[in-house]
PDB file of N, CA and C in Angstrom:
ATOM      1  N   MET A   1     -45.252  40.792  82.029  1.00  0.00           N
ATOM      2  CA  MET A   1     -45.702  41.152  80.700  1.00  0.00           C
ATOM      3  C   MET A   1     -44.808  42.276  80.170  1.00  0.00           C
ATOM      4  N   ILE A   2     -44.385  42.138  78.931  1.00  0.00           N
ATOM      5  CA  ILE A   2     -43.499  43.117  78.307  1.00  0.00           C
ATOM      6  C   ILE A   2     -44.290  43.920  77.273  1.00  0.00           C
ATOM      7  N   LEU A   3     -44.221  45.239  77.400  1.00  0.00           N
ATOM      8  CA  LEU A   3     -44.901  46.152  76.482  1.00  0.00           C
ATOM      9  C   LEU A   3     -43.870  47.062  75.829  1.00  0.00           C
ATOM     10  N   VAL A   4     -44.128  47.493  74.605  1.00  0.00           N
ATOM     11  CA  VAL A   4     -43.211  48.364  73.879  1.00  0.00           C
ATOM     12  C   VAL A   4     -43.866  49.718  73.633  1.00  0.00           C
ATOM     13  N   PHE A   5     -43.161  50.782  74.043  1.00  0.00           N
ATOM     14  CA  PHE A   5     -43.595  52.163  73.822  1.00  0.00           C
ATOM     15  C   PHE A   5     -42.386  52.970  73.368  1.00  0.00           C
ATOM     16  N   LYS A   6     -42.330  53.288  72.100  1.00  0.00           N
ATOM     17  CA  LYS A   6     -41.172  54.000  71.536  1.00  0.00           C
ATOM     18  C   LYS A   6     -40.974  55.388  72.133  1.00  0.00           C
ATOM     19  N   HIS A   7     -42.041  56.102  72.346  1.00  0.00           N
ATOM     20  CA  HIS A   7     -41.942  57.511  72.720  1.00  0.00           C
ATOM     21  C   HIS A   7     -42.053  57.758  74.222  1.00  0.00           C
ATOM     22  N   PHE A   8     -41.952  56.704  74.990  1.00  0.00           N
ATOM     23  CA  PHE A   8     -42.110  56.779  76.435  1.00  0.00           C
ATOM     24  C   PHE A   8     -40.804  57.108  77.153  1.00  0.00           C
ATOM     25  N   PHE A   9     -39.688  56.950  76.449  1.00  0.00           N
ATOM     26  CA  PHE A   9     -38.379  57.004  77.098  1.00  0.00           C
ATOM     27  C   PHE A   9     -37.591  58.262  76.793  1.00  0.00           C
ATOM     28  N   TYR A  10     -36.821  58.659  77.789  1.00  0.00           N
ATOM     29  CA  TYR A  10     -35.986  59.846  77.729  1.00  0.00           C
ATOM     30  C   TYR A  10     -34.558  59.440  77.371  1.00  0.00           C
ATOM     31  N   LYS A  11     -33.993  60.068  76.357  1.00  0.00           N
ATOM     32  CA  LYS A  11     -32.598  59.884  75.940  1.00  0.00           C
ATOM     33  C   LYS A  11     -32.181  58.418  75.846  1.00  0.00           C
ATOM     34  N   ASN A  12     -31.193  58.016  76.667  1.00  0.00           N
ATOM     35  CA  ASN A  12     -30.589  56.686  76.568  1.00  0.00           C
ATOM     36  C   ASN A  12     -31.334  55.598  77.338  1.00  0.00           C
ATOM     37  N   TYR A  13     -32.418  55.922  77.980  1.00  0.00           N
ATOM     38  CA  TYR A  13     -33.156  54.922  78.730  1.00  0.00           C
ATOM     39  C   TYR A  13     -33.938  54.033  77.763  1.00  0.00           C
ATOM     40  N   VAL A  14     -33.854  52.727  77.978  1.00  0.00           N
ATOM     41  CA  VAL A  14     -34.491  51.796  77.049  1.00  0.00           C
ATOM     42  C   VAL A  14     -35.472  50.838  77.721  1.00  0.00           C
ATOM     43  N   GLY A  15     -35.464  50.784  79.050  1.00  0.00           N
ATOM     44  CA  GLY A  15     -36.355  49.877  79.760  1.00  0.00           C
ATOM     45  C   GLY A  15     -36.830  50.478  81.065  1.00  0.00           C
ATOM     46  N   LEU A  16     -37.991  50.039  81.493  1.00  0.00           N
ATOM     47  CA  LEU A  16     -38.579  50.534  82.734  1.00  0.00           C
ATOM     48  C   LEU A  16     -39.513  49.465  83.280  1.00  0.00           C
ATOM     49  N   SER A  17     -39.433  49.247  84.575  1.00  0.00           N
ATOM     50  CA  SER A  17     -40.319  48.274  85.228  1.00  0.00           C
ATOM     51  C   SER A  17     -41.313  49.003  86.115  1.00  0.00           C
ATOM     52  N   LEU A  18     -42.566  48.782  85.864  1.00  0.00           N
ATOM     53  CA  LEU A  18     -43.659  49.261  86.717  1.00  0.00           C
ATOM     54  C   LEU A  18     -44.533  48.043  86.954  1.00  0.00           C
ATOM     55  N   TRP A  19     -44.391  47.449  88.123  1.00  0.00           N
ATOM     56  CA  TRP A  19     -44.996  46.161  88.411  1.00  0.00           C
ATOM     57  C   TRP A  19     -46.457  46.126  87.996  1.00  0.00           C
ATOM     58  N   PRO A  20     -46.858  45.142  87.252  1.00  0.00           N
ATOM     59  CA  PRO A  20     -46.196  43.920  86.828  1.00  0.00           C
ATOM     60  C   PRO A  20     -45.656  43.975  85.396  1.00  0.00           C
ATOM     61  N   PHE A  21     -45.425  45.166  84.878  1.00  0.00           N
ATOM     62  CA  PHE A  21     -45.033  45.322  83.482  1.00  0.00           C
ATOM     63  C   PHE A  21     -43.568  45.711  83.318  1.00  0.00           C
ATOM     64  N   ILE A  22     -43.006  45.310  82.189  1.00  0.00           N
ATOM     65  CA  ILE A  22     -41.708  45.807  81.741  1.00  0.00           C
ATOM     66  C   ILE A  22     -41.994  46.563  80.448  1.00  0.00           C
ATOM     67  N   PHE A  23     -41.613  47.837  80.423  1.00  0.00           N
ATOM     68  CA  PHE A  23     -41.780  48.668  79.235  1.00  0.00           C
ATOM     69  C   PHE A  23     -40.434  48.789  78.539  1.00  0.00           C
ATOM     70  N   LEU A  24     -40.426  48.605  77.223  1.00  0.00           N
ATOM     71  CA  LEU A  24     -39.201  48.710  76.439  1.00  0.00           C
ATOM     72  C   LEU A  24     -39.373  49.757  75.343  1.00  0.00           C
ATOM     73  N   LYS A  25     -38.247  50.313  74.927  1.00  0.00           N
ATOM     74  CA  LYS A  25     -38.251  51.362  73.912  1.00  0.00           C
ATOM     75  C   LYS A  25     -38.502  50.803  72.510  1.00  0.00           C
ATOM     76  N   SER A  26     -38.061  49.566  72.260  1.00  0.00           N
ATOM     77  CA  SER A  26     -38.277  48.975  70.933  1.00  0.00           C
ATOM     78  C   SER A  26     -38.516  47.473  71.048  1.00  0.00           C
ATOM     79  N   ASN A  27     -39.154  46.939  70.063  1.00  0.00           N
ATOM     80  CA  ASN A  27     -39.487  45.523  70.030  1.00  0.00           C
ATOM     81  C   ASN A  27     -38.240  44.642  70.030  1.00  0.00           C
ATOM     82  N   SER A  28     -37.172  45.101  69.396  1.00  0.00           N
ATOM     83  CA  SER A  28     -35.938  44.305  69.310  1.00  0.00           C
ATOM     84  C   SER A  28     -35.307  44.071  70.681  1.00  0.00           C
ATOM     85  N   LEU A  29     -35.617  44.919  71.655  1.00  0.00           N
ATOM     86  CA  LEU A  29     -35.039  44.775  72.994  1.00  0.00           C
ATOM     87  C   LEU A  29     -35.605  43.578  73.754  1.00  0.00           C
ATOM     88  N   LYS A  30     -36.701  43.003  73.269  1.00  0.00           N
ATOM     89  CA  LYS A  30     -37.255  41.810  73.913  1.00  0.00           C
ATOM     90  C   LYS A  30     -36.246  40.657  73.911  1.00  0.00           C
ATOM     91  N   ALA A  31     -35.327  40.671  72.965  1.00  0.00           N
ATOM     92  CA  ALA A  31     -34.323  39.610  72.860  1.00  0.00           C
ATOM     93  C   ALA A  31     -33.095  39.873  73.723  1.00  0.00           C
ATOM     94  N   ASP A  32     -33.016  41.029  74.344  1.00  0.00           N
ATOM     95  CA  ASP A  32     -31.872  41.390  75.187  1.00  0.00           C
ATOM     96  C   ASP A  32     -32.066  40.775  76.577  1.00  0.00           C
ATOM     97  N   THR A  33     -31.495  39.589  76.774  1.00  0.00           N
ATOM     98  CA  THR A  33     -31.717  38.858  78.024  1.00  0.00           C
ATOM     99  C   THR A  33     -31.144  39.579  79.238  1.00  0.00           C
ATOM    100  N   VAL A  34     -30.060  40.313  79.059  1.00  0.00           N
ATOM    101  CA  VAL A  34     -29.461  41.049  80.175  1.00  0.00           C
ATOM    102  C   VAL A  34     -30.387  42.192  80.608  1.00  0.00           C
ATOM    103  N   LEU A  35     -30.902  42.935  79.644  1.00  0.00           N
ATOM    104  CA  LEU A  35     -31.841  44.026  79.953  1.00  0.00           C
ATOM    105  C   LEU A  35     -33.105  43.476  80.623  1.00  0.00           C
ATOM    106  N   ILE A  36     -33.639  42.409  80.093  1.00  0.00           N
ATOM    107  CA  ILE A  36     -34.855  41.820  80.664  1.00  0.00           C
ATOM    108  C   ILE A  36     -34.571  41.341  82.091  1.00  0.00           C
ATOM    109  N   ASN A  37     -33.411  40.739  82.328  1.00  0.00           N
ATOM    110  CA  ASN A  37     -33.048  40.303  83.672  1.00  0.00           C
ATOM    111  C   ASN A  37     -32.936  41.496  84.617  1.00  0.00           C
ATOM    112  N   HIS A  38     -32.325  42.583  84.148  1.00  0.00           N
ATOM    113  CA  HIS A  38     -32.205  43.812  84.934  1.00  0.00           C
ATOM    114  C   HIS A  38     -33.595  44.288  85.371  1.00  0.00           C
ATOM    115  N   GLU A  39     -34.513  44.321  84.423  1.00  0.00           N
ATOM    116  CA  GLU A  39     -35.867  44.788  84.725  1.00  0.00           C
ATOM    117  C   GLU A  39     -36.615  43.804  85.633  1.00  0.00           C
ATOM    118  N   LYS A  40     -36.363  42.516  85.487  1.00  0.00           N
ATOM    119  CA  LYS A  40     -36.992  41.527  86.370  1.00  0.00           C
ATOM    120  C   LYS A  40     -36.489  41.677  87.809  1.00  0.00           C
ATOM    121  N   ILE A  41     -35.233  42.062  87.966  1.00  0.00           N
ATOM    122  CA  ILE A  41     -34.709  42.323  89.309  1.00  0.00           C
ATOM    123  C   ILE A  41     -35.502  43.467  89.942  1.00  0.00           C
ATOM    124  N   HIS A  42     -35.782  44.504  89.152  1.00  0.00           N
ATOM    125  CA  HIS A  42     -36.600  45.608  89.665  1.00  0.00           C
ATOM    126  C   HIS A  42     -38.015  45.145  90.018  1.00  0.00           C
ATOM    127  N   LEU A  43     -38.578  44.272  89.216  1.00  0.00           N
ATOM    128  CA  LEU A  43     -39.916  43.762  89.533  1.00  0.00           C
ATOM    129  C   LEU A  43     -39.917  43.030  90.871  1.00  0.00           C
ATOM    130  N   ARG A  44     -38.871  42.263  91.135  1.00  0.00           N
ATOM    131  CA  ARG A  44     -38.772  41.554  92.416  1.00  0.00           C
ATOM    132  C   ARG A  44     -38.640  42.546  93.570  1.00  0.00           C
ATOM    133  N   GLN A  45     -37.830  43.584  93.368  1.00  0.00           N
ATOM    134  CA  GLN A  45     -37.674  44.616  94.404  1.00  0.00           C
ATOM    135  C   GLN A  45     -39.015  45.277  94.695  1.00  0.00           C
ATOM    136  N   GLN A  46     -39.742  45.603  93.649  1.00  0.00           N
ATOM    137  CA  GLN A  46     -41.049  46.245  93.803  1.00  0.00           C
ATOM    138  C   GLN A  46     -42.028  45.332  94.525  1.00  0.00           C
ATOM    139  N   GLN A  47     -42.006  44.071  94.180  1.00  0.00           N
ATOM    140  CA  GLN A  47     -42.913  43.098  94.782  1.00  0.00           C
ATOM    141  C   GLN A  47     -42.643  42.936  96.272  1.00  0.00           C
ATOM    142  N   GLU A  48     -41.381  42.819  96.650  1.00  0.00           N
ATOM    143  CA  GLU A  48     -41.074  42.587  98.066  1.00  0.00           C
ATOM    144  C   GLU A  48     -41.315  43.826  98.926  1.00  0.00           C
ATOM    145  N   LEU A  49     -41.296  45.009  98.330  1.00  0.00           N
ATOM    146  CA  LEU A  49     -41.578  46.232  99.091  1.00  0.00           C
ATOM    147  C   LEU A  49     -43.029  46.695  98.957  1.00  0.00           C
ATOM    148  N   LEU A  50     -43.838  45.897  98.296  1.00  0.00           N
ATOM    149  CA  LEU A  50     -45.260  46.204  98.132  1.00  0.00           C
ATOM    150  C   LEU A  50     -45.507  47.512  97.379  1.00  0.00           C
ATOM    151  N   LEU A  51     -44.793  47.711  96.326  1.00  0.00           N
ATOM    152  CA  LEU A  51     -44.944  48.787  95.353  1.00  0.00           C
ATOM    153  C   LEU A  51     -44.765  50.205  95.876  1.00  0.00           C
ATOM    154  N   LEU A  52     -45.716  50.719  96.603  1.00  0.00           N
ATOM    155  CA  LEU A  52     -45.645  52.122  97.022  1.00  0.00           C
ATOM    156  C   LEU A  52     -44.363  52.433  97.805  1.00  0.00           C
ATOM    157  N   PRO A  53     -43.983  51.632  98.801  1.00  0.00           N
ATOM    158  CA  PRO A  53     -42.720  51.916  99.491  1.00  0.00           C
ATOM    159  C   PRO A  53     -41.514  51.879  98.543  1.00  0.00           C
ATOM    160  N   PHE A  54     -41.558  50.991  97.549  1.00  0.00           N
ATOM    161  CA  PHE A  54     -40.465  50.947  96.579  1.00  0.00           C
ATOM    162  C   PHE A  54     -40.332  52.296  95.879  1.00  0.00           C
ATOM    163  N   TYR A  55     -41.427  52.810  95.359  1.00  0.00           N
ATOM    164  CA  TYR A  55     -41.381  54.068  94.614  1.00  0.00           C
ATOM    165  C   TYR A  55     -40.990  55.242  95.508  1.00  0.00           C
ATOM    166  N   VAL A  56     -41.483  55.246  96.740  1.00  0.00           N
ATOM    167  CA  VAL A  56     -41.119  56.309  97.680  1.00  0.00           C
ATOM    168  C   VAL A  56     -39.625  56.251  97.989  1.00  0.00           C
ATOM    169  N   LEU A  57     -39.112  55.061  98.278  1.00  0.00           N
ATOM    170  CA  LEU A  57     -37.677  54.913  98.563  1.00  0.00           C
ATOM    171  C   LEU A  57     -36.819  55.242  97.348  1.00  0.00           C
ATOM    172  N   TYR A  58     -37.246  54.791  96.169  1.00  0.00           N
ATOM    173  CA  TYR A  58     -36.506  55.038  94.934  1.00  0.00           C
ATOM    174  C   TYR A  58     -36.365  56.541  94.689  1.00  0.00           C
ATOM    175  N   ILE A  59     -37.474  57.244  94.742  1.00  0.00           N
ATOM    176  CA  ILE A  59     -37.464  58.692  94.480  1.00  0.00           C
ATOM    177  C   ILE A  59     -36.701  59.442  95.568  1.00  0.00           C
ATOM    178  N   THR A  60     -36.900  59.050  96.819  1.00  0.00           N
ATOM    179  CA  THR A  60     -36.187  59.700  97.926  1.00  0.00           C
ATOM    180  C   THR A  60     -34.686  59.508  97.790  1.00  0.00           C
ATOM    181  N   GLU A  61     -34.275  58.276  97.504  1.00  0.00           N
ATOM    182  CA  GLU A  61     -32.840  58.018  97.355  1.00  0.00           C
ATOM    183  C   GLU A  61     -32.273  58.793  96.163  1.00  0.00           C
ATOM    184  N   TRP A  62     -33.022  58.849  95.070  1.00  0.00           N
ATOM    185  CA  TRP A  62     -32.553  59.593  93.903  1.00  0.00           C
ATOM    186  C   TRP A  62     -32.400  61.091  94.243  1.00  0.00           C
ATOM    187  N   LEU A  63     -33.379  61.654  94.934  1.00  0.00           N
ATOM    188  CA  LEU A  63     -33.311  63.069  95.301  1.00  0.00           C
ATOM    189  C   LEU A  63     -32.106  63.364  96.198  1.00  0.00           C
ATOM    190  N   LEU A  64     -31.901  62.534  97.203  1.00  0.00           N
ATOM    191  CA  LEU A  64     -30.763  62.734  98.108  1.00  0.00           C
ATOM    192  C   LEU A  64     -29.437  62.608  97.372  1.00  0.00           C
ATOM    193  N   ARG A  65     -29.337  61.622  96.507  1.00  0.00           N
ATOM    194  CA  ARG A  65     -28.093  61.433  95.753  1.00  0.00           C
ATOM    195  C   ARG A  65     -27.900  62.546  94.710  1.00  0.00           C
ATOM    196  N   ALA A  66     -28.976  63.047  94.146  1.00  0.00           N
ATOM    197  CA  ALA A  66     -28.874  64.156  93.188  1.00  0.00           C
ATOM    198  C   ALA A  66     -28.335  65.405  93.880  1.00  0.00           C
ATOM    199  N   ILE A  67     -28.774  65.641  95.097  1.00  0.00           N
ATOM    200  CA  ILE A  67     -28.254  66.768  95.876  1.00  0.00           C
ATOM    201  C   ILE A  67     -26.787  66.538  96.208  1.00  0.00           C
ATOM    202  N   PHE A  68     -26.454  65.313  96.611  1.00  0.00           N
ATOM    203  CA  PHE A  68     -25.086  64.970  96.990  1.00  0.00           C
ATOM    204  C   PHE A  68     -24.132  65.077  95.802  1.00  0.00           C
ATOM    205  N   TYR A  69     -24.509  64.495  94.660  1.00  0.00           N
ATOM    206  CA  TYR A  69     -23.637  64.467  93.487  1.00  0.00           C
ATOM    207  C   TYR A  69     -23.787  65.695  92.583  1.00  0.00           C
ATOM    208  N   LEU A  70     -24.880  66.427  92.735  1.00  0.00           N
ATOM    209  CA  LEU A  70     -25.208  67.536  91.828  1.00  0.00           C
ATOM    210  C   LEU A  70     -25.230  67.072  90.371  1.00  0.00           C
ATOM    211  N   ASP A  71     -25.719  65.858  90.174  1.00  0.00           N
ATOM    212  CA  ASP A  71     -25.759  65.239  88.853  1.00  0.00           C
ATOM    213  C   ASP A  71     -26.869  64.190  88.876  1.00  0.00           C
ATOM    214  N   SER A  72     -27.942  64.425  88.141  1.00  0.00           N
ATOM    215  CA  SER A  72     -29.101  63.537  88.213  1.00  0.00           C
ATOM    216  C   SER A  72     -28.805  62.146  87.658  1.00  0.00           C
ATOM    217  N   TYR A  73     -27.990  62.054  86.600  1.00  0.00           N
ATOM    218  CA  TYR A  73     -27.687  60.732  86.040  1.00  0.00           C
ATOM    219  C   TYR A  73     -26.796  59.928  86.979  1.00  0.00           C
ATOM    220  N   ARG A  74     -25.812  60.571  87.566  1.00  0.00           N
ATOM    221  CA  ARG A  74     -24.943  59.890  88.537  1.00  0.00           C
ATOM    222  C   ARG A  74     -25.765  59.459  89.756  1.00  0.00           C
ATOM    223  N   ALA A  75     -26.722  60.273  90.143  1.00  0.00           N
ATOM    224  CA  ALA A  75     -27.620  59.918  91.245  1.00  0.00           C
ATOM    225  C   ALA A  75     -28.395  58.654  90.892  1.00  0.00           C
ATOM    226  N   TYR A  76     -28.936  58.612  89.688  1.00  0.00           N
ATOM    227  CA  TYR A  76     -29.668  57.434  89.213  1.00  0.00           C
ATOM    228  C   TYR A  76     -28.790  56.185  89.260  1.00  0.00           C
ATOM    229  N   GLN A  77     -27.572  56.295  88.768  1.00  0.00           N
ATOM    230  CA  GLN A  77     -26.660  55.153  88.733  1.00  0.00           C
ATOM    231  C   GLN A  77     -26.326  54.629  90.121  1.00  0.00           C
ATOM    232  N   ASN A  78     -26.433  55.456  91.138  1.00  0.00           N
ATOM    233  CA  ASN A  78     -26.044  55.072  92.487  1.00  0.00           C
ATOM    234  C   ASN A  78     -27.208  54.745  93.417  1.00  0.00           C
ATOM    235  N   ILE A  79     -28.409  54.724  92.900  1.00  0.00           N
ATOM    236  CA  ILE A  79     -29.552  54.281  93.692  1.00  0.00           C
ATOM    237  C   ILE A  79     -29.338  52.800  94.008  1.00  0.00           C
ATOM    238  N   SER A  80     -29.561  52.403  95.233  1.00  0.00           N
ATOM    239  CA  SER A  80     -29.295  51.020  95.649  1.00  0.00           C
ATOM    240  C   SER A  80     -30.031  49.996  94.776  1.00  0.00           C
ATOM    241  N   PHE A  81     -31.251  50.297  94.381  1.00  0.00           N
ATOM    242  CA  PHE A  81     -32.013  49.378  93.537  1.00  0.00           C
ATOM    243  C   PHE A  81     -31.334  49.202  92.175  1.00  0.00           C
ATOM    244  N   GLU A  82     -30.836  50.305  91.623  1.00  0.00           N
ATOM    245  CA  GLU A  82     -30.138  50.247  90.333  1.00  0.00           C
ATOM    246  C   GLU A  82     -28.798  49.537  90.465  1.00  0.00           C
ATOM    247  N   ARG A  83     -28.102  49.806  91.539  1.00  0.00           N
ATOM    248  CA  ARG A  83     -26.803  49.166  91.736  1.00  0.00           C
ATOM    249  C   ARG A  83     -26.940  47.656  91.818  1.00  0.00           C
ATOM    250  N   GLU A  84     -27.933  47.199  92.575  1.00  0.00           N
ATOM    251  CA  GLU A  84     -28.156  45.751  92.645  1.00  0.00           C
ATOM    252  C   GLU A  84     -28.458  45.190  91.259  1.00  0.00           C
ATOM    253  N   ALA A  85     -29.323  45.852  90.520  1.00  0.00           N
ATOM    254  CA  ALA A  85     -29.710  45.366  89.201  1.00  0.00           C
ATOM    255  C   ALA A  85     -28.529  45.382  88.228  1.00  0.00           C
ATOM    256  N   TYR A  86     -27.738  46.456  88.213  1.00  0.00           N
ATOM    257  CA  TYR A  86     -26.592  46.526  87.298  1.00  0.00           C
ATOM    258  C   TYR A  86     -25.518  45.503  87.643  1.00  0.00           C
ATOM    259  N   VAL A  87     -25.231  45.325  88.920  1.00  0.00           N
ATOM    260  CA  VAL A  87     -24.191  44.377  89.329  1.00  0.00           C
ATOM    261  C   VAL A  87     -24.575  42.945  88.955  1.00  0.00           C
ATOM    262  N   ASN A  88     -25.858  42.625  89.019  1.00  0.00           N
ATOM    263  CA  ASN A  88     -26.302  41.241  88.842  1.00  0.00           C
ATOM    264  C   ASN A  88     -27.035  40.952  87.539  1.00  0.00           C
ATOM    265  N   GLU A  89     -27.147  41.924  86.657  1.00  0.00           N
ATOM    266  CA  GLU A  89     -27.934  41.732  85.438  1.00  0.00           C
ATOM    267  C   GLU A  89     -27.377  40.640  84.519  1.00  0.00           C
ATOM    268  N   ASN A  90     -26.070  40.405  84.562  1.00  0.00           N
ATOM    269  CA  ASN A  90     -25.472  39.374  83.710  1.00  0.00           C
ATOM    270  C   ASN A  90     -25.632  37.967  84.271  1.00  0.00           C
ATOM    271  N   GLN A  91     -26.015  37.848  85.530  1.00  0.00           N
ATOM    272  CA  GLN A  91     -26.266  36.540  86.146  1.00  0.00           C
ATOM    273  C   GLN A  91     -27.726  36.183  85.903  1.00  0.00           C
ATOM    274  N   LEU A  92     -27.979  35.473  84.842  1.00  0.00           N
ATOM    275  CA  LEU A  92     -29.359  35.212  84.448  1.00  0.00           C
ATOM    276  C   LEU A  92     -30.112  34.336  85.441  1.00  0.00           C
ATOM    277  N   ASP A  93     -29.405  33.676  86.355  1.00  0.00           N
ATOM    278  CA  ASP A  93     -30.054  32.878  87.388  1.00  0.00           C
ATOM    279  C   ASP A  93     -30.104  33.608  88.733  1.00  0.00           C
ATOM    280  N   TYR A  94     -29.761  34.895  88.738  1.00  0.00           N
ATOM    281  CA  TYR A  94     -29.672  35.666  89.984  1.00  0.00           C
ATOM    282  C   TYR A  94     -30.956  35.601  90.811  1.00  0.00           C
ATOM    283  N   LEU A  95     -32.090  35.760  90.183  1.00  0.00           N
ATOM    284  CA  LEU A  95     -33.350  35.790  90.929  1.00  0.00           C
ATOM    285  C   LEU A  95     -33.681  34.460  91.600  1.00  0.00           C
ATOM    286  N   SER A  96     -33.115  33.380  91.096  1.00  0.00           N
ATOM    287  CA  SER A  96     -33.396  32.072  91.701  1.00  0.00           C
ATOM    288  C   SER A  96     -32.691  31.897  93.044  1.00  0.00           C
ATOM    289  N   HIS A  97     -31.637  32.680  93.283  1.00  0.00           N
ATOM    290  CA  HIS A  97     -30.930  32.556  94.559  1.00  0.00           C
ATOM    291  C   HIS A  97     -30.824  33.889  95.314  1.00  0.00           C
ATOM    292  N   ARG A  98     -31.470  34.916  94.821  1.00  0.00           N
ATOM    293  CA  ARG A  98     -31.451  36.224  95.473  1.00  0.00           C
ATOM    294  C   ARG A  98     -32.219  36.165  96.796  1.00  0.00           C
ATOM    295  N   LYS A  99     -31.611  36.746  97.820  1.00  0.00           N
ATOM    296  CA  LYS A  99     -32.273  36.822  99.121  1.00  0.00           C
ATOM    297  C   LYS A  99     -33.150  38.076  99.166  1.00  0.00           C
ATOM    298  N   PRO A 100     -34.261  38.025  99.911  1.00  0.00           N
ATOM    299  CA  PRO A 100     -35.128  39.210 100.013  1.00  0.00           C
ATOM    300  C   PRO A 100     -34.369  40.429 100.543  1.00  0.00           C
ATOM    301  N   PHE A 101     -34.715  41.568 100.025  1.00  0.00           N
ATOM    302  CA  PHE A 101     -34.146  42.856 100.432  1.00  0.00           C
ATOM    303  C   PHE A 101     -32.642  42.952 100.181  1.00  0.00           C
ATOM    304  N   SER A 102     -32.164  42.272  99.163  1.00  0.00           N
ATOM    305  CA  SER A 102     -30.733  42.294  98.832  1.00  0.00           C
ATOM    306  C   SER A 102     -30.243  43.681  98.439  1.00  0.00           C
ATOM    307  N   PHE A 103     -31.134  44.554  98.009  1.00  0.00           N
ATOM    308  CA  PHE A 103     -30.733  45.902  97.616  1.00  0.00           C
ATOM    309  C   PHE A 103     -30.124  46.676  98.786  1.00  0.00           C
ATOM    310  N   ILE A 104     -30.446  46.287 100.019  1.00  0.00           N
ATOM    311  CA  ILE A 104     -29.974  47.015 101.199  1.00  0.00           C
ATOM    312  C   ILE A 104     -28.451  47.047 101.272  1.00  0.00           C
ATOM    313  N   LYS A 105     -27.798  45.958 100.861  1.00  0.00           N
ATOM    314  CA  LYS A 105     -26.338  45.940 100.932  1.00  0.00           C
ATOM    315  C   LYS A 105     -25.692  46.888  99.926  1.00  0.00           C
ATOM    316  N   TYR A 106     -26.485  47.436  99.009  1.00  0.00           N
ATOM    317  CA  TYR A 106     -25.955  48.388  98.027  1.00  0.00           C
ATOM    318  C   TYR A 106     -26.193  49.850  98.435  1.00  0.00           C
ATOM    319  N   LEU A 107     -26.816  50.064  99.575  1.00  0.00           N
ATOM    320  CA  LEU A 107     -27.097  51.417 100.048  1.00  0.00           C
ATOM    321  C   LEU A 107     -25.839  52.225 100.328  1.00  0.00           C
ATOM    322  N   CYS A 108     -24.874  51.619 100.955  1.00  0.00           N
ATOM    323  CA  CYS A 108     -23.687  52.350 101.416  1.00  0.00           C
ATOM    324  C   CYS A 108     -22.428  52.055 100.632  1.00  0.00           C
ATOM    325  N   ARG A 109     -22.535  51.380  99.527  1.00  0.00           N
ATOM    326  CA  ARG A 109     -21.348  51.083  98.725  1.00  0.00           C
ATOM    327  C   ARG A 109     -20.984  52.213  97.836  1.00  0.00           C
TER     328      ARG A 109
END
């Protein structure tokens, strides 16, 4: 389910997945198939990790990378979950052939 909340987002962020919802900054973004695919990849990651472990791992990885890079945005960009989603967001059929726990191969890249 896709919901729109204009004032929910910080700066350049336009989408967010909190299983089972995708939140978007504006209604026009519903037509952005690449963004929607990116967020659906996150929904799959959340589903396979049973939600709570996903959020714990996401935040932990972000914190460690923020300390390493001394840059919160660069840390965000390098979270394994984000890397998988960004690399594959243009492949609109990615989820049909994605193997479970595929984000793991993006941990050390």
